[in-house]
Amino acid sequence: MADTESPEQLVDRLVRNVAPIEIALNHAWWDSYTSSSAEADARRESLELQWRDAHADPDDFAAIRAARNTGGLDADVRRQLVILHDRFVPQQVPAGLREKLVGLETEVDSAFTNSRGEIDGRPVDDNEIAKILRTSDDGDERRRAWEASKQVGALVGDRVRELARLRNEAARALGYRDHYALALATGDLDEDRLLSTLAEVEAVTTGPFRAWKEQLDARLAPRFGVAVDDLRSWHYDDPFFQELPVSGRVDLDELFADADLEDLTRRTYRGIGLDVDPVLERSDLLPRAGKSQHAFCIDVDREGDVRVLANIAGNERWAETMLHEFGHAVYDVSQDRDRPWLLRGPTHALTTEAVAMLFGRLARDPVWLAAIAGVDRDRLQSLDRGLRASKAASLLVSVRWMLVMITFERELYADPDADLDARWWDLVERFQLVTRPDGRRAPDWAAKIHLASAPVYYQNYLYGEMVASQLDASLEAEAGGIVDRRDAGSFLVERVFRPGASLRWDELVESATGTPLSASHLARDITS
């Protein structure tokens, strides 16, 4: 920072430098996930390096640190300096190391985008695998489908380990224990608080989850003609057992088999006064070759160009996913465009995950099913008790899976060369009560794309569920619920969306709901 450059001028200069690169990178990122090619990957890699280089200048970093200590700063300027500081810290490493990281990350992402599992030599996509695991009563067919879902793990496992080593090398060069500690420290999260939260959530969920899973296993065993002790991962519908199996919930797939999920999504948000048509028009929602099989929302420019990638199929999972991803979208499009560019967006990943989860839960909500999905009253009355139980069970399954991922990832960075194959199954058995396959030795953990492409992210889902439950309680008290409640839309826009990143995430949660974040509302939802 020049001697005559004020903190305000410093922020303005840095943002003017990085904003065009970030927008171009977001376009390239979208292209590489929707139409994978060597050219798209190369462009994304080049722009990713430009973005990191734009945050790597040591003189600018020193200027940011000095400016943060300036007295009497405007609140928005101070907040932008915090954000810039946390962006710059991880990039204060040699250019060669940044290049290695970006190259390997792009390579692994491309492998996930282009990989398809095989069953008996026939390529199958994730939707087909999911269908087999939801519907087949043939244990051998299910096992082969489950194994196909894990084949990408063997393809990328060694490279994910290498990514962890390189990320650790960068973090230790900056004085951090490992990449996990660096990511939390530069992500507005305290590691001790996270560990305390994990312990609290494990304590709250262990008893209810064990009791629920015993009942589930008692239903699954006769379905597949095996003893309870012989149940394995492929008997639980989802390759990672991160979603509620059909046998453990009210099966709503038939309600969505022929539904227009785009229209259901549109009507859901229109009912609370939010228009998602512009996002739908820019989105890419149907499966095809050369496209990522996952789902995400991206704010390309912080000016309203928000898009969703999905791979819609006619089932409950994709109904929930559409509601979830467009929860991210309405957060992004509702930003106050008069705010500084850096502050136009969710204050933290966990707050946008909270909103997405809040809306995703509606797919099992009786009020939503009646008002939006058009399920008749008599059918709903017969489903009501099961729907309430499904909501609680879904949270249990999701949270116990999150405990696996968060704990495993911390251990991955603690020692990337450990016996991760075995450690993964240790944690699956501990938290999910699923017995490892006999004699299996494979990097099944590496089949989870987040470990490579969204490192140290999963705690945001856990905190997101906690915030979603707290927001849900506030919306019930102040707006009478969510579905077709214009006051609910106004609450979210004014208290959650429009503040953008001007407040820290914990300050935003307390400001919006009136109380600091706790696990009490989540515990209520799990046991209700």
Protein backbone atom coordinates (compact mmCIF):
# COMPACT_ATOMS: atom_id res chain seq x y z
CA MET A 1 0.00 0.00 0.00
CA ALA A 2 1.40 3.37 -0.99
CA ASP A 3 2.01 5.83 1.82
CA THR A 4 -0.89 7.94 0.56
CA GLU A 5 -3.29 5.00 0.02
CA SER A 6 -6.06 4.92 2.61
CA PRO A 7 -7.68 1.66 3.78
CA GLU A 8 -10.71 2.56 1.65
CA GLN A 9 -8.52 3.06 -1.42
CA LEU A 10 -6.65 -0.17 -0.73
CA VAL A 11 -9.88 -2.15 -0.62
CA ASP A 12 -11.17 -0.46 -3.77
CA ARG A 13 -7.96 -1.19 -5.69
CA LEU A 14 -7.80 -4.83 -4.65
CA VAL A 15 -11.44 -5.46 -5.48
CA ARG A 16 -11.09 -3.79 -8.89
CA ASN A 17 -8.16 -6.09 -9.53
CA VAL A 18 -9.76 -9.36 -8.47
CA ALA A 19 -13.43 -8.94 -9.49
CA PRO A 20 -12.95 -9.39 -13.27
CA ILE A 21 -10.73 -12.43 -12.69
CA GLU A 22 -13.23 -13.97 -10.29
CA ILE A 23 -16.13 -13.46 -12.71
CA ALA A 24 -14.16 -14.99 -15.58
CA LEU A 25 -13.16 -17.90 -13.32
CA ASN A 26 -16.79 -18.52 -12.37
CA HIS A 27 -17.73 -18.68 -16.06
CA ALA A 28 -14.87 -21.12 -16.71
CA TRP A 29 -15.81 -23.17 -13.65
CA TRP A 30 -19.40 -23.43 -14.91
CA ASP A 31 -18.23 -24.45 -18.38
CA SER A 32 -15.90 -27.15 -17.06
CA TYR A 33 -18.69 -28.74 -15.01
CA THR A 34 -21.42 -28.51 -17.65
CA SER A 35 -19.36 -29.42 -20.74
CA SER A 36 -16.10 -31.00 -19.68
CA SER A 37 -13.27 -30.83 -22.19
CA ALA A 38 -9.51 -30.39 -22.19
CA GLU A 39 -9.98 -26.82 -23.40
CA ALA A 40 -12.50 -25.96 -20.67
CA ASP A 41 -10.28 -27.51 -17.99
CA ALA A 42 -7.23 -25.60 -19.26
CA ARG A 43 -9.09 -22.29 -19.22
CA ARG A 44 -10.38 -22.92 -15.73
CA GLU A 45 -6.90 -23.89 -14.52
CA SER A 46 -5.37 -20.73 -16.02
CA LEU A 47 -7.98 -18.47 -14.41
CA GLU A 48 -7.71 -20.26 -11.08
CA LEU A 49 -3.99 -19.51 -11.09
CA GLN A 50 -4.69 -15.88 -11.98
CA TRP A 51 -7.16 -15.64 -9.09
CA ARG A 52 -4.67 -17.09 -6.62
CA ASP A 53 -1.89 -14.90 -7.95
CA ALA A 54 -4.13 -11.86 -7.48
CA HIS A 55 -4.27 -12.74 -3.76
CA ALA A 56 -0.58 -13.58 -3.42
CA ASP A 57 1.22 -10.23 -3.47
CA PRO A 58 3.13 -9.97 -0.17
CA ASP A 59 3.13 -6.17 -0.19
CA ASP A 60 -0.64 -6.06 -0.60
CA PHE A 61 -0.98 -8.62 2.18
CA ALA A 62 1.19 -6.52 4.47
CA ALA A 63 -0.91 -3.48 3.59
CA ILE A 64 -4.10 -5.35 4.49
CA ARG A 65 -2.67 -6.35 7.86
CA ALA A 66 -1.60 -2.80 8.58
CA ALA A 67 -4.93 -1.33 7.47
CA ARG A 68 -6.85 -3.63 9.81
CA ASN A 69 -5.17 -1.88 12.73
CA THR A 70 -6.32 1.56 11.61
CA GLY A 71 -8.61 3.23 14.12
CA GLY A 72 -12.04 4.62 13.28
CA LEU A 73 -12.61 2.49 10.19
CA ASP A 74 -16.02 2.36 8.57
CA ALA A 75 -17.68 -0.98 9.46
CA ASP A 76 -18.00 -2.09 5.84
CA VAL A 77 -14.35 -1.26 5.13
CA ARG A 78 -13.23 -3.18 8.22
CA ARG A 79 -15.32 -6.18 7.23
CA GLN A 80 -13.89 -6.18 3.68
CA LEU A 81 -10.37 -6.07 5.11
CA VAL A 82 -11.16 -9.17 7.18
CA ILE A 83 -12.44 -10.97 4.07
CA LEU A 84 -9.42 -9.91 2.02
CA HIS A 85 -7.05 -11.00 4.79
CA ASP A 86 -8.58 -14.47 4.89
CA ARG A 87 -8.41 -14.73 1.09
CA PHE A 88 -4.77 -13.66 0.97
CA VAL A 89 -3.40 -15.85 3.76
CA PRO A 90 -3.52 -19.23 1.93
CA GLN A 91 -1.86 -17.75 -1.16
CA GLN A 92 1.29 -16.52 0.62
CA VAL A 93 3.24 -19.53 -0.65
CA PRO A 94 5.66 -20.01 -3.58
CA ALA A 95 4.10 -19.71 -7.03
CA GLY A 96 5.29 -23.19 -7.96
CA LEU A 97 3.31 -24.72 -5.10
CA ARG A 98 0.17 -22.83 -6.11
CA GLU A 99 0.60 -24.11 -9.67
CA LYS A 100 0.94 -27.72 -8.50
CA LEU A 101 -2.19 -27.43 -6.39
CA VAL A 102 -4.31 -25.90 -9.13
CA GLY A 103 -3.13 -28.40 -11.73
CA LEU A 104 -3.87 -31.42 -9.54
CA GLU A 105 -7.22 -30.03 -8.35
CA THR A 106 -8.34 -29.47 -11.94
CA GLU A 107 -7.17 -32.95 -12.94
CA VAL A 108 -9.11 -34.62 -10.13
CA ASP A 109 -12.24 -32.54 -10.77
CA SER A 110 -12.14 -33.59 -14.41
CA ALA A 111 -11.84 -37.23 -13.40
CA PHE A 112 -14.98 -36.94 -11.28
CA THR A 113 -16.89 -35.14 -14.03
CA ASN A 114 -16.05 -37.70 -16.70
CA SER A 115 -16.06 -40.87 -14.62
CA ARG A 116 -18.95 -43.33 -14.81
CA GLY A 117 -19.07 -46.53 -12.83
CA GLU A 118 -19.49 -49.87 -14.56
CA ILE A 119 -21.74 -52.81 -13.82
CA ASP A 120 -20.80 -55.94 -15.73
CA GLY A 121 -18.78 -53.79 -18.13
CA ARG A 122 -21.68 -51.42 -18.79
CA PRO A 123 -21.25 -47.75 -17.82
CA VAL A 124 -23.89 -46.42 -15.41
CA ASP A 125 -24.46 -42.91 -14.13
CA ASP A 126 -25.26 -41.90 -10.57
CA ASN A 127 -29.01 -41.76 -11.21
CA GLU A 128 -29.06 -45.35 -12.44
CA ILE A 129 -27.02 -46.50 -9.45
CA ALA A 130 -29.39 -44.64 -7.14
CA LYS A 131 -32.40 -46.28 -8.79
CA ILE A 132 -30.98 -49.76 -8.27
CA LEU A 133 -30.21 -49.03 -4.63
CA ARG A 134 -33.71 -47.63 -4.05
CA THR A 135 -35.71 -50.33 -5.78
CA SER A 136 -33.86 -53.63 -6.16
CA ASP A 137 -34.45 -56.52 -3.75
CA ASP A 138 -31.53 -58.46 -5.26
CA GLY A 139 -28.62 -58.23 -2.84
CA ASP A 140 -26.04 -59.15 -5.47
CA GLU A 141 -27.33 -56.53 -7.93
CA ARG A 142 -27.26 -53.92 -5.16
CA ARG A 143 -23.69 -54.85 -4.20
CA ARG A 144 -22.51 -54.47 -7.79
CA ALA A 145 -24.23 -51.08 -8.06
CA TRP A 146 -22.66 -49.95 -4.79
CA GLU A 147 -19.22 -51.10 -5.94
CA ALA A 148 -19.71 -49.19 -9.20
CA SER A 149 -20.32 -46.02 -7.18
CA LYS A 150 -16.94 -46.49 -5.51
CA GLN A 151 -14.86 -47.11 -8.64
CA VAL A 152 -14.00 -43.43 -8.95
CA GLY A 153 -12.34 -43.69 -5.53
CA ALA A 154 -9.74 -46.10 -6.87
CA LEU A 155 -9.23 -43.80 -9.85
CA VAL A 156 -8.48 -40.67 -7.80
CA GLY A 157 -7.43 -41.97 -4.36
CA ASP A 158 -3.68 -41.53 -4.75
CA ARG A 159 -4.17 -38.05 -6.20
CA VAL A 160 -6.43 -37.00 -3.32
CA ARG A 161 -3.71 -38.08 -0.89
CA GLU A 162 -1.21 -36.03 -2.87
CA LEU A 163 -3.56 -33.04 -2.74
CA ALA A 164 -3.67 -33.38 1.04
CA ARG A 165 0.15 -33.49 1.19
CA LEU A 166 0.48 -30.40 -1.01
CA ARG A 167 -2.17 -28.51 0.94
CA ASN A 168 -0.38 -29.39 4.17
CA GLU A 169 2.92 -28.25 2.72
CA ALA A 170 1.37 -24.87 1.93
CA ALA A 171 -0.29 -24.58 5.34
CA ARG A 172 2.87 -25.44 7.27
CA ALA A 173 4.87 -22.92 5.25
CA LEU A 174 2.41 -20.36 6.64
CA GLY A 175 2.82 -21.54 10.23
CA TYR A 176 -0.30 -23.69 10.57
CA ARG A 177 -0.45 -27.26 11.87
CA ASP A 178 -2.00 -28.52 8.62
CA HIS A 179 -4.47 -27.53 5.93
CA TYR A 180 -7.42 -28.37 8.16
CA ALA A 181 -6.32 -25.83 10.76
CA LEU A 182 -5.59 -23.23 8.07
CA ALA A 183 -8.99 -23.66 6.41
CA LEU A 184 -10.87 -23.21 9.67
CA ALA A 185 -8.76 -20.26 10.79
CA THR A 186 -9.32 -18.41 7.50
CA GLY A 187 -12.97 -19.42 7.40
CA ASP A 188 -14.32 -17.66 10.49
CA LEU A 189 -14.47 -20.95 12.41
CA ASP A 190 -12.82 -21.90 15.68
CA GLU A 191 -11.50 -25.47 15.82
CA ASP A 192 -12.11 -25.90 19.55
CA ARG A 193 -15.70 -24.75 19.10
CA LEU A 194 -16.14 -27.17 16.20
CA LEU A 195 -14.80 -30.09 18.23
CA SER A 196 -17.13 -29.17 21.07
CA THR A 197 -20.05 -29.03 18.62
CA LEU A 198 -19.15 -32.45 17.22
CA ALA A 199 -19.10 -33.94 20.71
CA GLU A 200 -22.43 -32.31 21.57
CA VAL A 201 -24.09 -33.49 18.37
CA GLU A 202 -22.72 -37.02 18.77
CA ALA A 203 -24.07 -37.17 22.32
CA VAL A 204 -27.49 -35.86 21.29
CA THR A 205 -27.87 -38.26 18.34
CA THR A 206 -26.24 -41.52 19.44
CA GLY A 207 -29.18 -42.94 21.40
CA PRO A 208 -31.93 -41.91 18.94
CA PHE A 209 -29.90 -43.06 15.94
CA ARG A 210 -29.10 -46.47 17.44
CA ALA A 211 -32.75 -47.07 18.31
CA TRP A 212 -33.94 -45.95 14.88
CA LYS A 213 -31.37 -48.02 13.01
CA GLU A 214 -32.22 -51.17 14.97
CA GLN A 215 -35.81 -50.80 13.72
CA LEU A 216 -34.60 -50.12 10.19
CA ASP A 217 -32.33 -53.18 10.16
CA ALA A 218 -35.15 -55.34 11.47
CA ARG A 219 -37.15 -54.38 8.36
CA LEU A 220 -34.27 -54.64 5.90
CA ALA A 221 -32.99 -58.08 6.91
CA PRO A 222 -36.10 -60.06 5.85
CA ARG A 223 -36.44 -57.95 2.69
CA PHE A 224 -33.02 -59.13 1.52
CA GLY A 225 -33.16 -62.59 3.11
CA VAL A 226 -30.15 -62.06 5.38
CA ALA A 227 -29.49 -61.85 9.10
CA VAL A 228 -29.25 -58.39 10.63
CA ASP A 229 -25.54 -58.96 11.24
CA ASP A 230 -25.06 -59.58 7.50
CA LEU A 231 -26.44 -56.21 6.36
CA ARG A 232 -23.84 -54.13 4.53
CA SER A 233 -23.56 -50.71 2.88
CA TRP A 234 -25.37 -51.69 -0.31
CA HIS A 235 -28.53 -52.47 1.67
CA TYR A 236 -29.08 -48.80 2.62
CA ASP A 237 -30.18 -47.18 -0.69
CA ASP A 238 -27.52 -44.45 -0.79
CA PRO A 239 -23.86 -45.27 -1.59
CA PHE A 240 -22.72 -43.40 1.52
CA PHE A 241 -25.85 -43.90 3.67
CA GLN A 242 -26.14 -40.14 3.82
CA GLU A 243 -29.82 -40.09 2.89
CA LEU A 244 -32.81 -41.79 4.43
CA PRO A 245 -33.52 -45.22 2.89
CA VAL A 246 -36.97 -45.87 1.48
CA SER A 247 -37.44 -48.59 4.10
CA GLY A 248 -36.86 -46.00 6.83
CA ARG A 249 -39.29 -43.37 5.60
CA VAL A 250 -42.52 -42.66 3.82
CA ASP A 251 -41.76 -43.41 0.16
CA LEU A 252 -42.74 -40.32 -1.82
CA ASP A 253 -40.99 -41.24 -5.06
CA GLU A 254 -44.26 -42.08 -6.80
CA LEU A 255 -45.55 -38.57 -6.08
CA PHE A 256 -42.65 -37.07 -8.01
CA ALA A 257 -42.28 -39.67 -10.76
CA ASP A 258 -44.08 -37.52 -13.32
CA ALA A 259 -43.90 -34.16 -11.54
CA ASP A 260 -42.53 -31.01 -13.12
CA LEU A 261 -39.81 -30.32 -10.57
CA GLU A 262 -38.95 -26.99 -12.16
CA ASP A 263 -42.54 -25.81 -11.73
CA LEU A 264 -42.76 -27.09 -8.14
CA THR A 265 -39.60 -25.15 -7.38
CA ARG A 266 -40.93 -22.02 -9.08
CA ARG A 267 -44.23 -22.18 -7.19
CA THR A 268 -42.52 -22.80 -3.86
CA TYR A 269 -40.48 -19.61 -4.03
CA ARG A 270 -43.19 -17.56 -5.73
CA GLY A 271 -45.41 -18.38 -2.75
CA ILE A 272 -43.10 -16.46 -0.44
CA GLY A 273 -42.63 -13.59 -2.85
CA LEU A 274 -39.37 -14.66 -4.51
CA ASP A 275 -38.97 -15.03 -8.28
CA VAL A 276 -36.62 -17.80 -9.46
CA ASP A 277 -37.56 -17.70 -13.15
CA PRO A 278 -34.37 -15.83 -14.18
CA VAL A 279 -32.27 -18.47 -12.40
CA LEU A 280 -34.21 -21.33 -13.98
CA GLU A 281 -33.60 -19.83 -17.43
CA ARG A 282 -29.82 -19.75 -16.89
CA SER A 283 -29.58 -23.16 -15.26
CA ASP A 284 -28.56 -26.59 -16.59
CA LEU A 285 -30.89 -29.13 -15.00
CA LEU A 286 -30.93 -32.38 -17.01
CA PRO A 287 -28.33 -35.19 -17.05
CA ARG A 288 -26.08 -35.88 -20.02
CA ALA A 289 -22.61 -37.19 -20.79
CA GLY A 290 -19.65 -34.89 -20.11
CA LYS A 291 -21.48 -33.06 -17.34
CA SER A 292 -20.97 -33.22 -13.58
CA GLN A 293 -23.44 -35.64 -11.98
CA HIS A 294 -23.75 -33.54 -8.85
CA ALA A 295 -25.72 -30.40 -8.06
CA PHE A 296 -24.67 -26.90 -7.09
CA CYS A 297 -25.57 -23.22 -7.34
CA ILE A 298 -23.15 -20.53 -8.45
CA ASP A 299 -23.31 -16.74 -8.28
CA VAL A 300 -21.24 -15.81 -11.31
CA ASP A 301 -20.86 -12.06 -10.93
CA ARG A 302 -22.57 -10.80 -7.73
CA GLU A 303 -24.79 -8.79 -10.07
CA GLY A 304 -27.61 -11.29 -10.48
CA ASP A 305 -26.20 -13.97 -12.78
CA VAL A 306 -27.03 -16.95 -10.58
CA ARG A 307 -27.26 -20.50 -11.98
CA VAL A 308 -28.01 -24.02 -10.79
CA LEU A 309 -26.55 -27.26 -12.11
CA ALA A 310 -28.65 -30.37 -11.47
CA ASN A 311 -29.39 -33.78 -12.99
CA ILE A 312 -33.12 -34.06 -12.44
CA ALA A 313 -34.87 -37.41 -12.20
CA GLY A 314 -38.47 -37.97 -11.11
CA ASN A 315 -38.05 -38.84 -7.45
CA GLU A 316 -38.10 -37.33 -3.98
CA ARG A 317 -34.32 -36.94 -3.84
CA TRP A 318 -34.28 -34.60 -6.81
CA ALA A 319 -37.35 -32.71 -5.59
CA GLU A 320 -35.46 -32.03 -2.37
CA THR A 321 -32.27 -31.18 -4.26
CA MET A 322 -34.04 -28.61 -6.44
CA LEU A 323 -35.56 -26.92 -3.41
CA HIS A 324 -32.14 -27.01 -1.74
CA GLU A 325 -30.15 -25.54 -4.62
CA PHE A 326 -32.69 -22.80 -5.27
CA GLY A 327 -32.44 -21.92 -1.58
CA HIS A 328 -28.85 -21.01 -2.36
CA ALA A 329 -30.09 -19.15 -5.44
CA VAL A 330 -32.62 -16.92 -3.69
CA TYR A 331 -29.97 -16.02 -1.10
CA ASP A 332 -27.69 -14.87 -3.93
CA VAL A 333 -30.23 -13.01 -6.05
CA SER A 334 -31.68 -11.18 -3.03
CA GLN A 335 -28.43 -9.43 -2.20
CA ASP A 336 -28.36 -5.66 -1.76
CA ARG A 337 -26.56 -4.48 -4.91
CA ASP A 338 -25.77 -1.16 -3.23
CA ARG A 339 -23.37 -2.94 -0.88
CA PRO A 340 -19.67 -3.16 -1.76
CA TRP A 341 -18.92 -6.00 -4.18
CA LEU A 342 -17.12 -8.13 -1.59
CA LEU A 343 -20.09 -7.93 0.79
CA ARG A 344 -22.69 -9.04 -1.77
CA GLY A 345 -23.08 -12.66 -0.88
CA PRO A 346 -23.69 -15.02 2.02
CA THR A 347 -21.61 -14.13 5.05
CA HIS A 348 -20.47 -17.74 5.27
CA ALA A 349 -20.96 -21.06 3.51
CA LEU A 350 -22.83 -22.36 6.54
CA THR A 351 -25.52 -19.65 6.32
CA THR A 352 -26.30 -20.36 2.67
CA GLU A 353 -26.28 -24.09 3.44
CA ALA A 354 -28.74 -23.38 6.25
CA VAL A 355 -31.16 -21.64 3.90
CA ALA A 356 -30.80 -24.42 1.31
CA MET A 357 -31.46 -27.07 3.96
CA LEU A 358 -34.44 -25.15 5.30
CA PHE A 359 -36.08 -25.31 1.88
CA GLY A 360 -34.90 -28.83 1.07
CA ARG A 361 -36.78 -30.11 4.12
CA LEU A 362 -40.05 -28.96 2.54
CA ALA A 363 -40.11 -32.01 0.25
CA ARG A 364 -41.37 -34.00 3.25
CA ASP A 365 -43.47 -31.24 4.78
CA PRO A 366 -47.24 -31.98 4.78
CA VAL A 367 -48.13 -28.31 4.24
CA TRP A 368 -45.86 -28.12 1.18
CA LEU A 369 -47.06 -31.45 -0.18
CA ALA A 370 -50.66 -30.21 -0.03
CA ALA A 371 -50.20 -26.62 -1.19
CA ILE A 372 -47.45 -27.05 -3.79
CA ALA A 373 -47.24 -30.73 -4.76
CA GLY A 374 -51.04 -31.10 -4.76
CA VAL A 375 -51.29 -34.22 -2.61
CA ASP A 376 -54.92 -34.69 -1.53
CA ARG A 377 -55.94 -34.31 2.11
CA ASP A 378 -56.95 -37.94 2.69
CA ARG A 379 -53.58 -39.16 1.41
CA LEU A 380 -51.79 -36.66 3.62
CA GLN A 381 -53.71 -37.70 6.71
CA SER A 382 -52.60 -41.26 6.16
CA LEU A 383 -49.00 -40.10 5.70
CA ASP A 384 -48.82 -37.49 8.44
CA ARG A 385 -47.31 -39.55 11.25
CA GLY A 386 -44.84 -41.16 8.90
CA LEU A 387 -43.81 -37.82 7.45
CA ARG A 388 -43.03 -36.42 10.88
CA ALA A 389 -41.01 -39.51 11.73
CA SER A 390 -39.24 -39.30 8.37
CA LYS A 391 -38.22 -35.70 9.01
CA ALA A 392 -36.58 -36.63 12.30
CA ALA A 393 -34.98 -39.77 10.86
CA SER A 394 -33.67 -37.87 7.83
CA LEU A 395 -31.87 -35.43 10.11
CA LEU A 396 -30.45 -38.27 12.16
CA VAL A 397 -29.07 -40.05 9.10
CA SER A 398 -27.68 -36.83 7.66
CA VAL A 399 -26.01 -35.69 10.87
CA ARG A 400 -24.42 -39.06 11.62
CA TRP A 401 -22.99 -39.09 8.08
CA MET A 402 -21.61 -35.58 8.62
CA LEU A 403 -19.80 -36.82 11.73
CA VAL A 404 -18.06 -39.41 9.56
CA MET A 405 -16.93 -36.86 6.99
CA ILE A 406 -15.83 -34.13 9.38
CA THR A 407 -13.88 -36.51 11.60
CA PHE A 408 -12.31 -38.35 8.67
CA GLU A 409 -11.20 -35.17 6.92
CA ARG A 410 -9.47 -33.88 10.05
CA GLU A 411 -7.58 -37.19 10.21
CA LEU A 412 -6.82 -37.10 6.47
CA TYR A 413 -4.85 -33.88 6.93
CA ALA A 414 -3.33 -35.05 10.20
CA ASP A 415 -1.69 -37.92 8.29
CA PRO A 416 -2.36 -38.34 4.54
CA ASP A 417 -0.20 -41.47 4.51
CA ALA A 418 -2.14 -43.32 7.21
CA ASP A 419 -4.24 -46.41 6.51
CA LEU A 420 -7.16 -44.26 5.40
CA ASP A 421 -9.03 -47.19 3.84
CA ALA A 422 -9.34 -48.86 7.22
CA ARG A 423 -9.85 -45.64 9.16
CA TRP A 424 -12.78 -44.70 6.90
CA TRP A 425 -14.60 -47.89 7.83
CA ASP A 426 -13.74 -47.44 11.51
CA LEU A 427 -15.67 -44.17 11.43
CA VAL A 428 -18.54 -45.57 9.34
CA GLU A 429 -18.98 -48.34 11.90
CA ARG A 430 -18.76 -45.92 14.81
CA PHE A 431 -21.10 -43.20 13.59
CA GLN A 432 -23.36 -44.94 11.06
CA LEU A 433 -23.39 -48.44 12.62
CA VAL A 434 -22.75 -49.99 9.20
CA THR A 435 -20.48 -53.03 9.07
CA ARG A 436 -17.59 -52.86 6.59
CA PRO A 437 -17.67 -55.32 3.67
CA ASP A 438 -15.76 -58.50 4.43
CA GLY A 439 -12.16 -58.34 3.21
CA ARG A 440 -12.58 -55.08 1.31
CA ARG A 441 -9.45 -52.95 0.86
CA ALA A 442 -10.18 -49.93 -1.34
CA PRO A 443 -10.11 -46.12 -1.08
CA ASP A 444 -13.89 -45.87 -0.72
CA TRP A 445 -13.43 -42.54 1.08
CA ALA A 446 -11.97 -40.99 -2.08
CA ALA A 447 -15.23 -41.52 -3.96
CA LYS A 448 -16.64 -38.54 -2.05
CA ILE A 449 -15.93 -35.57 -4.30
CA HIS A 450 -15.86 -33.04 -1.46
CA LEU A 451 -12.52 -34.34 -0.17
CA ALA A 452 -10.87 -33.27 -3.42
CA SER A 453 -13.00 -30.41 -4.69
CA ALA A 454 -14.44 -28.77 -1.56
CA PRO A 455 -11.83 -29.44 1.14
CA VAL A 456 -12.72 -28.82 4.80
CA TYR A 457 -16.28 -27.93 3.87
CA TYR A 458 -18.45 -30.54 5.54
CA GLN A 459 -18.65 -28.79 8.92
CA ASN A 460 -20.64 -26.12 7.10
CA TYR A 461 -23.39 -28.69 6.47
CA LEU A 462 -23.53 -29.57 10.16
CA TYR A 463 -23.66 -25.97 11.27
CA GLY A 464 -26.10 -25.38 8.42
CA GLU A 465 -28.54 -27.94 9.82
CA MET A 466 -28.29 -26.26 13.22
CA VAL A 467 -28.96 -22.82 11.74
CA ALA A 468 -31.79 -24.20 9.58
CA SER A 469 -33.55 -25.56 12.65
CA GLN A 470 -33.10 -22.26 14.46
CA LEU A 471 -34.40 -20.28 11.48
CA ASP A 472 -37.33 -22.68 11.15
CA ALA A 473 -38.33 -22.01 14.75
CA SER A 474 -38.15 -18.24 14.20
CA LEU A 475 -40.19 -18.44 10.98
CA GLU A 476 -42.84 -20.51 12.71
CA ALA A 477 -43.07 -18.00 15.53
CA GLU A 478 -43.04 -14.87 13.39
CA ALA A 479 -44.60 -15.89 10.07
CA GLY A 480 -46.61 -18.99 10.92
CA GLY A 481 -44.34 -21.22 8.82
CA ILE A 482 -42.83 -21.02 5.33
CA VAL A 483 -45.14 -22.36 2.64
CA ASP A 484 -47.09 -19.56 0.92
CA ARG A 485 -46.14 -17.16 3.72
CA ARG A 486 -45.07 -13.82 2.27
CA ASP A 487 -43.90 -12.79 5.74
CA ALA A 488 -41.45 -15.71 5.70
CA GLY A 489 -39.94 -14.43 2.47
CA SER A 490 -39.69 -10.92 3.89
CA PHE A 491 -38.05 -12.28 7.08
CA LEU A 492 -35.40 -14.12 5.10
CA VAL A 493 -34.72 -11.28 2.68
CA GLU A 494 -34.44 -8.55 5.29
CA ARG A 495 -32.79 -10.44 8.17
CA VAL A 496 -30.68 -13.07 6.41
CA PHE A 497 -30.09 -12.24 2.74
CA ARG A 498 -29.70 -8.48 2.42
CA PRO A 499 -27.08 -8.05 5.18
CA GLY A 500 -24.80 -10.05 2.88
CA ALA A 501 -21.34 -10.48 4.33
CA SER A 502 -21.48 -7.28 6.36
CA LEU A 503 -21.82 -9.33 9.58
CA ARG A 504 -19.92 -12.38 10.78
CA TRP A 505 -22.01 -15.54 10.48
CA ASP A 506 -22.59 -15.92 14.23
CA GLU A 507 -23.59 -12.26 14.52
CA LEU A 508 -26.02 -12.70 11.62
CA VAL A 509 -27.63 -15.79 13.17
CA GLU A 510 -28.11 -14.05 16.51
CA SER A 511 -29.42 -10.89 14.82
CA ALA A 512 -31.89 -12.85 12.66
CA THR A 513 -33.20 -15.25 15.31
CA GLY A 514 -32.68 -13.31 18.52
CA THR A 515 -30.44 -15.93 20.16
CA PRO A 516 -26.91 -17.29 19.63
CA LEU A 517 -26.59 -20.53 17.68
CA SER A 518 -27.06 -23.71 19.70
CA ALA A 519 -27.87 -27.34 19.00
CA SER A 520 -31.14 -27.16 20.95
CA HIS A 521 -33.41 -26.61 17.95
CA LEU A 522 -31.69 -29.36 15.97
CA ALA A 523 -32.09 -31.71 18.94
CA ARG A 524 -35.80 -30.84 19.04
CA ASP A 525 -36.20 -31.62 15.33
CA ILE A 526 -34.37 -34.91 15.71
CA THR A 527 -36.47 -36.12 18.62
CA SER A 528 -39.85 -34.69 17.59
